[in-house]
Each structure stands twice: as structure tokens, then as C-alpha cells.
mmCIF file of all heavy atoms, coordinates in Angstrom:
data_MODEL
# 
_entry.id   MODEL 
# 
loop_
_atom_site.group_PDB 
_atom_site.id 
_atom_site.type_symbol 
_atom_site.label_atom_id 
_atom_site.label_alt_id 
_atom_site.label_comp_id 
_atom_site.label_asym_id 
_atom_site.label_entity_id 
_atom_site.label_seq_id 
_atom_site.pdbx_PDB_ins_code 
_atom_site.Cartn_x 
_atom_site.Cartn_y 
_atom_site.Cartn_z 
_atom_site.occupancy 
_atom_site.B_iso_or_equiv 
_atom_site.pdbx_formal_charge 
_atom_site.auth_seq_id 
_atom_site.auth_comp_id 
_atom_site.auth_asym_id 
_atom_site.auth_atom_id 
_atom_site.pdbx_PDB_model_num 
ATOM 1   N N   . ASN A 1 1  ? 92.382  -26.866 -72.136 1.00 0.00 ? 1  ASN A N   1 
ATOM 2   C CA  . ASN A 1 1  ? 93.055  -26.511 -70.914 1.00 0.00 ? 1  ASN A CA  1 
ATOM 3   C C   . ASN A 1 1  ? 94.295  -25.685 -71.314 1.00 0.00 ? 1  ASN A C   1 
ATOM 4   O O   . ASN A 1 1  ? 95.084  -26.027 -72.165 1.00 0.00 ? 1  ASN A O   1 
ATOM 5   C CB  . ASN A 1 1  ? 93.552  -27.746 -70.085 1.00 0.00 ? 1  ASN A CB  1 
ATOM 6   C CG  . ASN A 1 1  ? 92.368  -28.542 -69.636 1.00 0.00 ? 1  ASN A CG  1 
ATOM 7   O OD1 . ASN A 1 1  ? 91.347  -27.933 -69.263 1.00 0.00 ? 1  ASN A OD1 1 
ATOM 8   N ND2 . ASN A 1 1  ? 92.442  -29.856 -69.750 1.00 0.00 ? 1  ASN A ND2 1 
ATOM 9   N N   . ASN A 1 2  ? 94.576  -24.568 -70.531 1.00 0.00 ? 2  ASN A N   1 
ATOM 10  C CA  . ASN A 1 2  ? 95.783  -23.737 -70.733 1.00 0.00 ? 2  ASN A CA  1 
ATOM 11  C C   . ASN A 1 2  ? 95.912  -23.250 -72.218 1.00 0.00 ? 2  ASN A C   1 
ATOM 12  O O   . ASN A 1 2  ? 96.988  -23.328 -72.803 1.00 0.00 ? 2  ASN A O   1 
ATOM 13  C CB  . ASN A 1 2  ? 97.027  -24.435 -70.204 1.00 0.00 ? 2  ASN A CB  1 
ATOM 14  C CG  . ASN A 1 2  ? 96.842  -24.814 -68.802 1.00 0.00 ? 2  ASN A CG  1 
ATOM 15  O OD1 . ASN A 1 2  ? 96.406  -23.971 -67.983 1.00 0.00 ? 2  ASN A OD1 1 
ATOM 16  N ND2 . ASN A 1 2  ? 97.354  -25.990 -68.457 1.00 0.00 ? 2  ASN A ND2 1 
ATOM 17  N N   . ILE A 1 3  ? 94.783  -22.875 -72.838 1.00 0.00 ? 3  ILE A N   1 
ATOM 18  C CA  . ILE A 1 3  ? 94.789  -22.368 -74.176 1.00 0.00 ? 3  ILE A CA  1 
ATOM 19  C C   . ILE A 1 3  ? 95.481  -20.987 -74.216 1.00 0.00 ? 3  ILE A C   1 
ATOM 20  O O   . ILE A 1 3  ? 95.204  -20.191 -73.344 1.00 0.00 ? 3  ILE A O   1 
ATOM 21  C CB  . ILE A 1 3  ? 93.499  -22.335 -74.858 1.00 0.00 ? 3  ILE A CB  1 
ATOM 22  C CG1 . ILE A 1 3  ? 92.925  -23.739 -74.956 1.00 0.00 ? 3  ILE A CG1 1 
ATOM 23  C CG2 . ILE A 1 3  ? 93.433  -21.638 -76.167 1.00 0.00 ? 3  ILE A CG2 1 
ATOM 24  C CD1 . ILE A 1 3  ? 91.444  -23.747 -75.433 1.00 0.00 ? 3  ILE A CD1 1 
ATOM 25  N N   . SER A 1 4  ? 96.387  -20.726 -75.202 1.00 0.00 ? 4  SER A N   1 
ATOM 26  C CA  . SER A 1 4  ? 96.921  -19.402 -75.331 1.00 0.00 ? 4  SER A CA  1 
ATOM 27  C C   . SER A 1 4  ? 96.606  -18.871 -76.698 1.00 0.00 ? 4  SER A C   1 
ATOM 28  O O   . SER A 1 4  ? 96.639  -19.620 -77.680 1.00 0.00 ? 4  SER A O   1 
ATOM 29  C CB  . SER A 1 4  ? 98.383  -19.388 -74.910 1.00 0.00 ? 4  SER A CB  1 
ATOM 30  O OG  . SER A 1 4  ? 99.089  -20.226 -75.804 1.00 0.00 ? 4  SER A OG  1 
ATOM 31  N N   . PHE A 1 5  ? 96.438  -17.628 -76.820 1.00 0.00 ? 5  PHE A N   1 
ATOM 32  C CA  . PHE A 1 5  ? 96.186  -16.996 -78.109 1.00 0.00 ? 5  PHE A CA  1 
ATOM 33  C C   . PHE A 1 5  ? 97.351  -16.054 -78.543 1.00 0.00 ? 5  PHE A C   1 
ATOM 34  O O   . PHE A 1 5  ? 97.912  -15.379 -77.699 1.00 0.00 ? 5  PHE A O   1 
ATOM 35  C CB  . PHE A 1 5  ? 94.841  -16.149 -78.077 1.00 0.00 ? 5  PHE A CB  1 
ATOM 36  C CG  . PHE A 1 5  ? 93.697  -16.952 -77.542 1.00 0.00 ? 5  PHE A CG  1 
ATOM 37  C CD1 . PHE A 1 5  ? 93.249  -16.890 -76.318 1.00 0.00 ? 5  PHE A CD1 1 
ATOM 38  C CD2 . PHE A 1 5  ? 93.173  -17.891 -78.448 1.00 0.00 ? 5  PHE A CD2 1 
ATOM 39  C CE1 . PHE A 1 5  ? 92.193  -17.540 -75.835 1.00 0.00 ? 5  PHE A CE1 1 
ATOM 40  C CE2 . PHE A 1 5  ? 92.049  -18.656 -77.975 1.00 0.00 ? 5  PHE A CE2 1 
ATOM 41  C CZ  . PHE A 1 5  ? 91.577  -18.489 -76.630 1.00 0.00 ? 5  PHE A CZ  1 
ATOM 42  N N   . VAL A 1 6  ? 97.688  -16.153 -79.671 1.00 0.00 ? 6  VAL A N   1 
ATOM 43  C CA  . VAL A 1 6  ? 98.833  -15.266 -80.190 1.00 0.00 ? 6  VAL A CA  1 
ATOM 44  C C   . VAL A 1 6  ? 98.561  -14.516 -81.398 1.00 0.00 ? 6  VAL A C   1 
ATOM 45  O O   . VAL A 1 6  ? 97.446  -14.754 -82.133 1.00 0.00 ? 6  VAL A O   1 
ATOM 46  C CB  . VAL A 1 6  ? 100.084 -16.179 -80.520 1.00 0.00 ? 6  VAL A CB  1 
ATOM 47  C CG1 . VAL A 1 6  ? 100.599 -16.890 -79.288 1.00 0.00 ? 6  VAL A CG1 1 
ATOM 48  C CG2 . VAL A 1 6  ? 99.745  -17.225 -81.646 1.00 0.00 ? 6  VAL A CG2 1 
ATOM 49  N N   . GLY A 1 7  ? 99.272  -13.476 -81.710 1.00 0.00 ? 7  GLY A N   1 
ATOM 50  C CA  . GLY A 1 7  ? 99.016  -12.679 -82.901 1.00 0.00 ? 7  GLY A CA  1 
ATOM 51  C C   . GLY A 1 7  ? 97.669  -11.938 -82.858 1.00 0.00 ? 7  GLY A C   1 
ATOM 52  O O   . GLY A 1 7  ? 97.255  -11.540 -81.753 1.00 0.00 ? 7  GLY A O   1 
ATOM 53  N N   . ASP A 1 8  ? 97.040  -11.836 -83.989 1.00 0.00 ? 8  ASP A N   1 
ATOM 54  C CA  . ASP A 1 8  ? 95.725  -11.056 -83.983 1.00 0.00 ? 8  ASP A CA  1 
ATOM 55  C C   . ASP A 1 8  ? 94.610  -11.912 -83.468 1.00 0.00 ? 8  ASP A C   1 
ATOM 56  O O   . ASP A 1 8  ? 93.429  -11.415 -83.472 1.00 0.00 ? 8  ASP A O   1 
ATOM 57  C CB  . ASP A 1 8  ? 95.466  -10.537 -85.412 1.00 0.00 ? 8  ASP A CB  1 
ATOM 58  C CG  . ASP A 1 8  ? 95.142  -11.625 -86.370 1.00 0.00 ? 8  ASP A CG  1 
ATOM 59  O OD1 . ASP A 1 8  ? 95.467  -12.846 -86.204 1.00 0.00 ? 8  ASP A OD1 1 
ATOM 60  O OD2 . ASP A 1 8  ? 94.538  -11.313 -87.452 1.00 0.00 ? 8  ASP A OD2 1 
ATOM 61  N N   . THR A 1 9  ? 94.869  -13.174 -83.163 1.00 0.00 ? 9  THR A N   1 
ATOM 62  C CA  . THR A 1 9  ? 93.790  -14.045 -82.649 1.00 0.00 ? 9  THR A CA  1 
ATOM 63  C C   . THR A 1 9  ? 93.267  -13.413 -81.272 1.00 0.00 ? 9  THR A C   1 
ATOM 64  O O   . THR A 1 9  ? 92.036  -13.577 -81.057 1.00 0.00 ? 9  THR A O   1 
ATOM 65  C CB  . THR A 1 9  ? 94.333  -15.509 -82.352 1.00 0.00 ? 9  THR A CB  1 
ATOM 66  O OG1 . THR A 1 9  ? 94.944  -15.966 -83.544 1.00 0.00 ? 9  THR A OG1 1 
ATOM 67  C CG2 . THR A 1 9  ? 93.256  -16.315 -81.814 1.00 0.00 ? 9  THR A CG2 1 
ATOM 68  N N   . CYS A 1 10 ? 94.087  -12.788 -80.597 1.00 0.00 ? 10 CYS A N   1 
ATOM 69  C CA  . CYS A 1 10 ? 93.656  -12.141 -79.256 1.00 0.00 ? 10 CYS A CA  1 
ATOM 70  C C   . CYS A 1 10 ? 92.453  -11.153 -79.435 1.00 0.00 ? 10 CYS A C   1 
ATOM 71  O O   . CYS A 1 10 ? 91.623  -11.157 -78.562 1.00 0.00 ? 10 CYS A O   1 
ATOM 72  C CB  . CYS A 1 10 ? 94.807  -11.395 -78.667 1.00 0.00 ? 10 CYS A CB  1 
ATOM 73  S SG  . CYS A 1 10 ? 96.193  -12.485 -78.154 1.00 0.00 ? 10 CYS A SG  1 
ATOM 74  N N   . ARG A 1 11 ? 92.411  -10.528 -80.508 1.00 0.00 ? 11 ARG A N   1 
ATOM 75  C CA  . ARG A 1 11 ? 91.325  -9.499  -80.759 1.00 0.00 ? 11 ARG A CA  1 
ATOM 76  C C   . ARG A 1 11 ? 90.081  -10.201 -81.391 1.00 0.00 ? 11 ARG A C   1 
ATOM 77  O O   . ARG A 1 11 ? 89.051  -9.554  -81.528 1.00 0.00 ? 11 ARG A O   1 
ATOM 78  C CB  . ARG A 1 11 ? 91.787  -8.280  -81.593 1.00 0.00 ? 11 ARG A CB  1 
ATOM 79  C CG  . ARG A 1 11 ? 92.144  -8.652  -83.062 1.00 0.00 ? 11 ARG A CG  1 
ATOM 80  C CD  . ARG A 1 11 ? 92.622  -7.321  -83.695 1.00 0.00 ? 11 ARG A CD  1 
ATOM 81  N NE  . ARG A 1 11 ? 93.043  -7.669  -85.085 1.00 0.00 ? 11 ARG A NE  1 
ATOM 82  C CZ  . ARG A 1 11 ? 92.184  -7.526  -86.134 1.00 0.00 ? 11 ARG A CZ  1 
ATOM 83  N NH1 . ARG A 1 11 ? 90.901  -7.179  -85.923 1.00 0.00 ? 11 ARG A NH1 1 
ATOM 84  N NH2 . ARG A 1 11 ? 92.583  -7.839  -87.333 1.00 0.00 ? 11 ARG A NH2 1 
ATOM 85  N N   . ARG A 1 12 ? 90.239  -11.471 -81.716 1.00 0.00 ? 12 ARG A N   1 
ATOM 86  C CA  . ARG A 1 12 ? 89.124  -12.122 -82.366 1.00 0.00 ? 12 ARG A CA  1 
ATOM 87  C C   . ARG A 1 12 ? 88.452  -13.228 -81.455 1.00 0.00 ? 12 ARG A C   1 
ATOM 88  O O   . ARG A 1 12 ? 87.622  -13.976 -81.904 1.00 0.00 ? 12 ARG A O   1 
ATOM 89  C CB  . ARG A 1 12 ? 89.558  -12.919 -83.660 1.00 0.00 ? 12 ARG A CB  1 
ATOM 90  C CG  . ARG A 1 12 ? 90.150  -11.896 -84.670 1.00 0.00 ? 12 ARG A CG  1 
ATOM 91  C CD  . ARG A 1 12 ? 90.882  -12.779 -85.766 1.00 0.00 ? 12 ARG A CD  1 
ATOM 92  N NE  . ARG A 1 12 ? 91.533  -11.868 -86.725 1.00 0.00 ? 12 ARG A NE  1 
ATOM 93  C CZ  . ARG A 1 12 ? 90.994  -11.490 -87.860 1.00 0.00 ? 12 ARG A CZ  1 
ATOM 94  N NH1 . ARG A 1 12 ? 89.874  -11.865 -88.307 1.00 0.00 ? 12 ARG A NH1 1 
ATOM 95  N NH2 . ARG A 1 12 ? 91.802  -10.689 -88.649 1.00 0.00 ? 12 ARG A NH2 1 
ATOM 96  N N   . VAL A 1 13 ? 88.883  -13.235 -80.236 1.00 0.00 ? 13 VAL A N   1 
ATOM 97  C CA  . VAL A 1 13 ? 88.529  -14.274 -79.241 1.00 0.00 ? 13 VAL A CA  1 
ATOM 98  C C   . VAL A 1 13 ? 87.822  -13.664 -78.062 1.00 0.00 ? 13 VAL A C   1 
ATOM 99  O O   . VAL A 1 13 ? 88.282  -12.613 -77.620 1.00 0.00 ? 13 VAL A O   1 
ATOM 100 C CB  . VAL A 1 13 ? 89.729  -15.158 -78.900 1.00 0.00 ? 13 VAL A CB  1 
ATOM 101 C CG1 . VAL A 1 13 ? 89.373  -16.131 -77.780 1.00 0.00 ? 13 VAL A CG1 1 
ATOM 102 C CG2 . VAL A 1 13 ? 90.298  -15.951 -80.151 1.00 0.00 ? 13 VAL A CG2 1 
ATOM 103 N N   . LEU A 1 14 ? 86.831  -14.314 -77.636 1.00 0.00 ? 14 LEU A N   1 
ATOM 104 C CA  . LEU A 1 14 ? 86.150  -13.934 -76.402 1.00 0.00 ? 14 LEU A CA  1 
ATOM 105 C C   . LEU A 1 14 ? 86.285  -15.147 -75.443 1.00 0.00 ? 14 LEU A C   1 
ATOM 106 O O   . LEU A 1 14 ? 85.396  -15.985 -75.486 1.00 0.00 ? 14 LEU A O   1 
ATOM 107 C CB  . LEU A 1 14 ? 84.707  -13.568 -76.625 1.00 0.00 ? 14 LEU A CB  1 
ATOM 108 C CG  . LEU A 1 14 ? 83.940  -13.112 -75.384 1.00 0.00 ? 14 LEU A CG  1 
ATOM 109 C CD1 . LEU A 1 14 ? 84.567  -11.859 -74.710 1.00 0.00 ? 14 LEU A CD1 1 
ATOM 110 C CD2 . LEU A 1 14 ? 82.501  -12.852 -75.760 1.00 0.00 ? 14 LEU A CD2 1 
ATOM 111 N N   . PRO A 1 15 ? 87.288  -15.135 -74.611 1.00 0.00 ? 15 PRO A N   1 
ATOM 112 C CA  . PRO A 1 15 ? 87.457  -16.352 -73.667 1.00 0.00 ? 15 PRO A CA  1 
ATOM 113 C C   . PRO A 1 15 ? 86.444  -16.203 -72.498 1.00 0.00 ? 15 PRO A C   1 
ATOM 114 O O   . PRO A 1 15 ? 86.182  -15.083 -72.078 1.00 0.00 ? 15 PRO A O   1 
ATOM 115 C CB  . PRO A 1 15 ? 88.896  -16.220 -73.205 1.00 0.00 ? 15 PRO A CB  1 
ATOM 116 C CG  . PRO A 1 15 ? 89.305  -14.830 -73.407 1.00 0.00 ? 15 PRO A CG  1 
ATOM 117 C CD  . PRO A 1 15 ? 88.457  -14.308 -74.508 1.00 0.00 ? 15 PRO A CD  1 
ATOM 118 N N   . ILE A 1 16 ? 85.801  -17.310 -72.158 1.00 0.00 ? 16 ILE A N   1 
ATOM 119 C CA  . ILE A 1 16 ? 84.949  -17.330 -71.045 1.00 0.00 ? 16 ILE A CA  1 
ATOM 120 C C   . ILE A 1 16 ? 85.224  -18.601 -70.231 1.00 0.00 ? 16 ILE A C   1 
ATOM 121 O O   . ILE A 1 16 ? 85.825  -19.625 -70.717 1.00 0.00 ? 16 ILE A O   1 
ATOM 122 C CB  . ILE A 1 16 ? 83.429  -17.381 -71.485 1.00 0.00 ? 16 ILE A CB  1 
ATOM 123 C CG1 . ILE A 1 16 ? 83.131  -18.615 -72.293 1.00 0.00 ? 16 ILE A CG1 1 
ATOM 124 C CG2 . ILE A 1 16 ? 83.074  -16.112 -72.251 1.00 0.00 ? 16 ILE A CG2 1 
ATOM 125 C CD1 . ILE A 1 16 ? 81.658  -18.842 -72.581 1.00 0.00 ? 16 ILE A CD1 1 
ATOM 126 N N   . ARG A 1 17 ? 84.856  -18.524 -68.973 1.00 0.00 ? 17 ARG A N   1 
ATOM 127 C CA  . ARG A 1 17 ? 84.942  -19.726 -68.091 1.00 0.00 ? 17 ARG A CA  1 
ATOM 128 C C   . ARG A 1 17 ? 83.520  -20.041 -67.623 1.00 0.00 ? 17 ARG A C   1 
ATOM 129 O O   . ARG A 1 17 ? 82.854  -19.260 -67.054 1.00 0.00 ? 17 ARG A O   1 
ATOM 130 C CB  . ARG A 1 17 ? 85.834  -19.396 -66.852 1.00 0.00 ? 17 ARG A CB  1 
ATOM 131 C CG  . ARG A 1 17 ? 85.750  -20.487 -65.842 1.00 0.00 ? 17 ARG A CG  1 
ATOM 132 C CD  . ARG A 1 17 ? 86.803  -20.326 -64.813 1.00 0.00 ? 17 ARG A CD  1 
ATOM 133 N NE  . ARG A 1 17 ? 88.017  -20.879 -65.451 1.00 0.00 ? 17 ARG A NE  1 
ATOM 134 C CZ  . ARG A 1 17 ? 89.209  -20.711 -65.041 1.00 0.00 ? 17 ARG A CZ  1 
ATOM 135 N NH1 . ARG A 1 17 ? 89.488  -19.946 -64.009 1.00 0.00 ? 17 ARG A NH1 1 
ATOM 136 N NH2 . ARG A 1 17 ? 90.236  -21.233 -65.657 1.00 0.00 ? 17 ARG A NH2 1 
ATOM 137 N N   . LEU A 1 18 ? 83.112  -21.250 -67.947 1.00 0.00 ? 18 LEU A N   1 
ATOM 138 C CA  . LEU A 1 18 ? 81.730  -21.731 -67.537 1.00 0.00 ? 18 LEU A CA  1 
ATOM 139 C C   . LEU A 1 18 ? 81.940  -22.552 -66.301 1.00 0.00 ? 18 LEU A C   1 
ATOM 140 O O   . LEU A 1 18 ? 82.499  -23.661 -66.385 1.00 0.00 ? 18 LEU A O   1 
ATOM 141 C CB  . LEU A 1 18 ? 81.078  -22.486 -68.677 1.00 0.00 ? 18 LEU A CB  1 
ATOM 142 C CG  . LEU A 1 18 ? 80.775  -21.722 -69.950 1.00 0.00 ? 18 LEU A CG  1 
ATOM 143 C CD1 . LEU A 1 18 ? 80.224  -22.631 -70.993 1.00 0.00 ? 18 LEU A CD1 1 
ATOM 144 C CD2 . LEU A 1 18 ? 79.820  -20.617 -69.695 1.00 0.00 ? 18 LEU A CD2 1 
ATOM 145 N N   . ASP A 1 19 ? 81.315  -22.037 -65.207 1.00 0.00 ? 19 ASP A N   1 
ATOM 146 C CA  . ASP A 1 19 ? 81.389  -22.822 -63.900 1.00 0.00 ? 19 ASP A CA  1 
ATOM 147 C C   . ASP A 1 19 ? 79.997  -22.740 -63.287 1.00 0.00 ? 19 ASP A C   1 
ATOM 148 O O   . ASP A 1 19 ? 79.771  -21.700 -62.714 1.00 0.00 ? 19 ASP A O   1 
ATOM 149 C CB  . ASP A 1 19 ? 82.477  -22.319 -63.001 1.00 0.00 ? 19 ASP A CB  1 
ATOM 150 C CG  . ASP A 1 19 ? 82.594  -23.176 -61.782 1.00 0.00 ? 19 ASP A CG  1 
ATOM 151 O OD1 . ASP A 1 19 ? 81.791  -24.172 -61.603 1.00 0.00 ? 19 ASP A OD1 1 
ATOM 152 O OD2 . ASP A 1 19 ? 83.349  -22.851 -60.923 1.00 0.00 ? 19 ASP A OD2 1 
ATOM 153 N N   . PRO A 1 20 ? 79.156  -23.732 -63.444 1.00 0.00 ? 20 PRO A N   1 
ATOM 154 C CA  . PRO A 1 20 ? 77.823  -23.581 -62.852 1.00 0.00 ? 20 PRO A CA  1 
ATOM 155 C C   . PRO A 1 20 ? 77.752  -23.657 -61.349 1.00 0.00 ? 20 PRO A C   1 
ATOM 156 O O   . PRO A 1 20 ? 76.785  -23.354 -60.722 1.00 0.00 ? 20 PRO A O   1 
ATOM 157 C CB  . PRO A 1 20 ? 77.099  -24.843 -63.424 1.00 0.00 ? 20 PRO A CB  1 
ATOM 158 C CG  . PRO A 1 20 ? 78.175  -25.816 -63.747 1.00 0.00 ? 20 PRO A CG  1 
ATOM 159 C CD  . PRO A 1 20 ? 79.372  -25.021 -64.112 1.00 0.00 ? 20 PRO A CD  1 
ATOM 160 N N   . ARG A 1 21 ? 78.926  -24.091 -60.691 1.00 0.00 ? 21 ARG A N   1 
ATOM 161 C CA  . ARG A 1 21 ? 79.043  -24.148 -59.252 1.00 0.00 ? 21 ARG A CA  1 
ATOM 162 C C   . ARG A 1 21 ? 78.023  -25.013 -58.575 1.00 0.00 ? 21 ARG A C   1 
ATOM 163 O O   . ARG A 1 21 ? 77.629  -24.818 -57.364 1.00 0.00 ? 21 ARG A O   1 
ATOM 164 C CB  . ARG A 1 21 ? 78.903  -22.714 -58.653 1.00 0.00 ? 21 ARG A CB  1 
ATOM 165 C CG  . ARG A 1 21 ? 80.100  -21.819 -59.100 1.00 0.00 ? 21 ARG A CG  1 
ATOM 166 C CD  . ARG A 1 21 ? 79.986  -20.527 -58.215 1.00 0.00 ? 21 ARG A CD  1 
ATOM 167 N NE  . ARG A 1 21 ? 80.931  -19.608 -58.826 1.00 0.00 ? 21 ARG A NE  1 
ATOM 168 C CZ  . ARG A 1 21 ? 80.702  -18.380 -59.282 1.00 0.00 ? 21 ARG A CZ  1 
ATOM 169 N NH1 . ARG A 1 21 ? 79.455  -18.013 -59.276 1.00 0.00 ? 21 ARG A NH1 1 
ATOM 170 N NH2 . ARG A 1 21 ? 81.620  -17.694 -59.797 1.00 0.00 ? 21 ARG A NH2 1 
ATOM 171 N N   . VAL A 1 22 ? 77.613  -26.038 -59.255 1.00 0.00 ? 22 VAL A N   1 
ATOM 172 C CA  . VAL A 1 22 ? 76.768  -27.044 -58.786 1.00 0.00 ? 22 VAL A CA  1 
ATOM 173 C C   . VAL A 1 22 ? 77.134  -28.439 -59.260 1.00 0.00 ? 22 VAL A C   1 
ATOM 174 O O   . VAL A 1 22 ? 77.831  -28.526 -60.249 1.00 0.00 ? 22 VAL A O   1 
ATOM 175 C CB  . VAL A 1 22 ? 75.180  -26.854 -59.111 1.00 0.00 ? 22 VAL A CB  1 
ATOM 176 C CG1 . VAL A 1 22 ? 74.736  -25.598 -58.443 1.00 0.00 ? 22 VAL A CG1 1 
ATOM 177 C CG2 . VAL A 1 22 ? 75.051  -26.910 -60.585 1.00 0.00 ? 22 VAL A CG2 1 
ATOM 178 N N   . GLU A 1 23 ? 76.871  -29.504 -58.488 1.00 0.00 ? 23 GLU A N   1 
ATOM 179 C CA  . GLU A 1 23 ? 77.348  -30.807 -58.887 1.00 0.00 ? 23 GLU A CA  1 
ATOM 180 C C   . GLU A 1 23 ? 76.562  -31.319 -60.122 1.00 0.00 ? 23 GLU A C   1 
ATOM 181 O O   . GLU A 1 23 ? 77.151  -32.016 -60.933 1.00 0.00 ? 23 GLU A O   1 
ATOM 182 C CB  . GLU A 1 23 ? 77.114  -31.786 -57.751 1.00 0.00 ? 23 GLU A CB  1 
ATOM 183 C CG  . GLU A 1 23 ? 77.683  -33.183 -57.999 1.00 0.00 ? 23 GLU A CG  1 
ATOM 184 C CD  . GLU A 1 23 ? 77.599  -33.973 -56.773 1.00 0.00 ? 23 GLU A CD  1 
ATOM 185 O OE1 . GLU A 1 23 ? 77.476  -33.560 -55.641 1.00 0.00 ? 23 GLU A OE1 1 
ATOM 186 O OE2 . GLU A 1 23 ? 77.532  -35.289 -56.937 1.00 0.00 ? 23 GLU A OE2 1 
ATOM 187 N N   . ARG A 1 24 ? 75.308  -30.971 -60.322 1.00 0.00 ? 24 ARG A N   1 
ATOM 188 C CA  . ARG A 1 24 ? 74.543  -31.407 -61.453 1.00 0.00 ? 24 ARG A CA  1 
ATOM 189 C C   . ARG A 1 24 ? 73.968  -30.224 -62.144 1.00 0.00 ? 24 ARG A C   1 
ATOM 190 O O   . ARG A 1 24 ? 72.809  -29.816 -61.936 1.00 0.00 ? 24 ARG A O   1 
ATOM 191 C CB  . ARG A 1 24 ? 73.399  -32.361 -60.938 1.00 0.00 ? 24 ARG A CB  1 
ATOM 192 C CG  . ARG A 1 24 ? 73.996  -33.626 -60.229 1.00 0.00 ? 24 ARG A CG  1 
ATOM 193 C CD  . ARG A 1 24 ? 72.902  -34.597 -59.893 1.00 0.00 ? 24 ARG A CD  1 
ATOM 194 N NE  . ARG A 1 24 ? 72.176  -34.836 -61.110 1.00 0.00 ? 24 ARG A NE  1 
ATOM 195 C CZ  . ARG A 1 24 ? 71.967  -36.101 -61.621 1.00 0.00 ? 24 ARG A CZ  1 
ATOM 196 N NH1 . ARG A 1 24 ? 72.552  -37.145 -60.998 1.00 0.00 ? 24 ARG A NH1 1 
ATOM 197 N NH2 . ARG A 1 24 ? 71.291  -36.277 -62.688 1.00 0.00 ? 24 ARG A NH2 1 
ATOM 198 N N   . PRO A 1 25 ? 74.714  -29.669 -63.050 1.00 0.00 ? 25 PRO A N   1 
ATOM 199 C CA  . PRO A 1 25 ? 74.242  -28.427 -63.742 1.00 0.00 ? 25 PRO A CA  1 
ATOM 200 C C   . PRO A 1 25 ? 72.947  -28.538 -64.572 1.00 0.00 ? 25 PRO A C   1 
ATOM 201 O O   . PRO A 1 25 ? 72.255  -27.631 -64.773 1.00 0.00 ? 25 PRO A O   1 
ATOM 202 C CB  . PRO A 1 25 ? 75.430  -28.072 -64.691 1.00 0.00 ? 25 PRO A CB  1 
ATOM 203 C CG  . PRO A 1 25 ? 76.345  -29.213 -64.726 1.00 0.00 ? 25 PRO A CG  1 
ATOM 204 C CD  . PRO A 1 25 ? 76.012  -30.078 -63.487 1.00 0.00 ? 25 PRO A CD  1 
ATOM 205 N N   . GLU A 1 26 ? 72.656  -29.760 -64.991 1.00 0.00 ? 26 GLU A N   1 
ATOM 206 C CA  . GLU A 1 26 ? 71.355  -29.944 -65.721 1.00 0.00 ? 26 GLU A CA  1 
ATOM 207 C C   . GLU A 1 26 ? 70.220  -29.799 -64.882 1.00 0.00 ? 26 GLU A C   1 
ATOM 208 O O   . GLU A 1 26 ? 69.070  -29.564 -65.383 1.00 0.00 ? 26 GLU A O   1 
ATOM 209 C CB  . GLU A 1 26 ? 71.400  -31.325 -66.398 1.00 0.00 ? 26 GLU A CB  1 
ATOM 210 C CG  . GLU A 1 26 ? 71.304  -32.512 -65.446 1.00 0.00 ? 26 GLU A CG  1 
ATOM 211 C CD  . GLU A 1 26 ? 72.617  -32.976 -64.891 1.00 0.00 ? 26 GLU A CD  1 
ATOM 212 O OE1 . GLU A 1 26 ? 73.676  -32.335 -65.041 1.00 0.00 ? 26 GLU A OE1 1 
ATOM 213 O OE2 . GLU A 1 26 ? 72.590  -34.071 -64.218 1.00 0.00 ? 26 GLU A OE2 1 
ATOM 214 N N   . GLU A 1 27 ? 70.281  -29.688 -63.604 1.00 0.00 ? 27 GLU A N   1 
ATOM 215 C CA  . GLU A 1 27 ? 69.198  -29.522 -62.629 1.00 0.00 ? 27 GLU A CA  1 
ATOM 216 C C   . GLU A 1 27 ? 69.043  -28.121 -62.080 1.00 0.00 ? 27 GLU A C   1 
ATOM 217 O O   . GLU A 1 27 ? 68.273  -27.773 -61.251 1.00 0.00 ? 27 GLU A O   1 
ATOM 218 C CB  . GLU A 1 27 ? 69.276  -30.495 -61.488 1.00 0.00 ? 27 GLU A CB  1 
ATOM 219 C CG  . GLU A 1 27 ? 69.111  -31.991 -61.937 1.00 0.00 ? 27 GLU A CG  1 
ATOM 220 C CD  . GLU A 1 27 ? 69.316  -32.947 -60.799 1.00 0.00 ? 27 GLU A CD  1 
ATOM 221 O OE1 . GLU A 1 27 ? 69.591  -32.499 -59.686 1.00 0.00 ? 27 GLU A OE1 1 
ATOM 222 O OE2 . GLU A 1 27 ? 69.141  -34.173 -61.125 1.00 0.00 ? 27 GLU A OE2 1 
ATOM 223 N N   . ARG A 1 28 ? 69.858  -27.151 -62.613 1.00 0.00 ? 28 ARG A N   1 
ATOM 224 C CA  . ARG A 1 28 ? 69.770  -25.791 -62.165 1.00 0.00 ? 28 ARG A CA  1 
ATOM 225 C C   . ARG A 1 28 ? 68.513  -25.142 -62.417 1.00 0.00 ? 28 ARG A C   1 
ATOM 226 O O   . ARG A 1 28 ? 67.760  -25.504 -63.384 1.00 0.00 ? 28 ARG A O   1 
ATOM 227 C CB  . ARG A 1 28 ? 70.922  -24.907 -62.871 1.00 0.00 ? 28 ARG A CB  1 
ATOM 228 C CG  . ARG A 1 28 ? 72.320  -25.203 -62.473 1.00 0.00 ? 28 ARG A CG  1 
ATOM 229 C CD  . ARG A 1 28 ? 73.182  -24.365 -63.193 1.00 0.00 ? 28 ARG A CD  1 
ATOM 230 N NE  . ARG A 1 28 ? 73.260  -24.702 -64.585 1.00 0.00 ? 28 ARG A NE  1 
ATOM 231 C CZ  . ARG A 1 28 ? 73.786  -24.201 -65.595 1.00 0.00 ? 28 ARG A CZ  1 
ATOM 232 N NH1 . ARG A 1 28 ? 74.551  -23.136 -65.388 1.00 0.00 ? 28 ARG A NH1 1 
ATOM 233 N NH2 . ARG A 1 28 ? 73.782  -24.611 -66.834 1.00 0.00 ? 28 ARG A NH2 1 
ATOM 234 N N   . GLU A 1 29 ? 68.178  -24.171 -61.649 1.00 0.00 ? 29 GLU A N   1 
ATOM 235 C CA  . GLU A 1 29 ? 67.047  -23.356 -61.895 1.00 0.00 ? 29 GLU A CA  1 
ATOM 236 C C   . GLU A 1 29 ? 67.441  -21.973 -62.167 1.00 0.00 ? 29 GLU A C   1 
ATOM 237 O O   . GLU A 1 29 ? 68.402  -21.449 -61.543 1.00 0.00 ? 29 GLU A O   1 
ATOM 238 C CB  . GLU A 1 29 ? 66.067  -23.430 -60.628 1.00 0.00 ? 29 GLU A CB  1 
ATOM 239 C CG  . GLU A 1 29 ? 65.410  -24.764 -60.431 1.00 0.00 ? 29 GLU A CG  1 
ATOM 240 C CD  . GLU A 1 29 ? 64.410  -24.801 -59.354 1.00 0.00 ? 29 GLU A CD  1 
ATOM 241 O OE1 . GLU A 1 29 ? 64.032  -23.711 -58.888 1.00 0.00 ? 29 GLU A OE1 1 
ATOM 242 O OE2 . GLU A 1 29 ? 63.993  -25.881 -58.946 1.00 0.00 ? 29 GLU A OE2 1 
# 
């Protein structure tokens, strides 16, 4: 939560947000 990247880490990181928008993601189609 609230991770921040500093220095050259910014160019080595691909931040993503995973939100399946369903209550039970294991049952998605």
C-alpha cells in the first residue's frame, strides 16, 4: 500500500493495479 519508488527504480518498475471488479474473482469468465 502506498509504495513509492525513488532514484533509478522508477525506470525499472512497471506498477499495475489489479482490480477484477467482482466479489469472487476466481469465478470470472
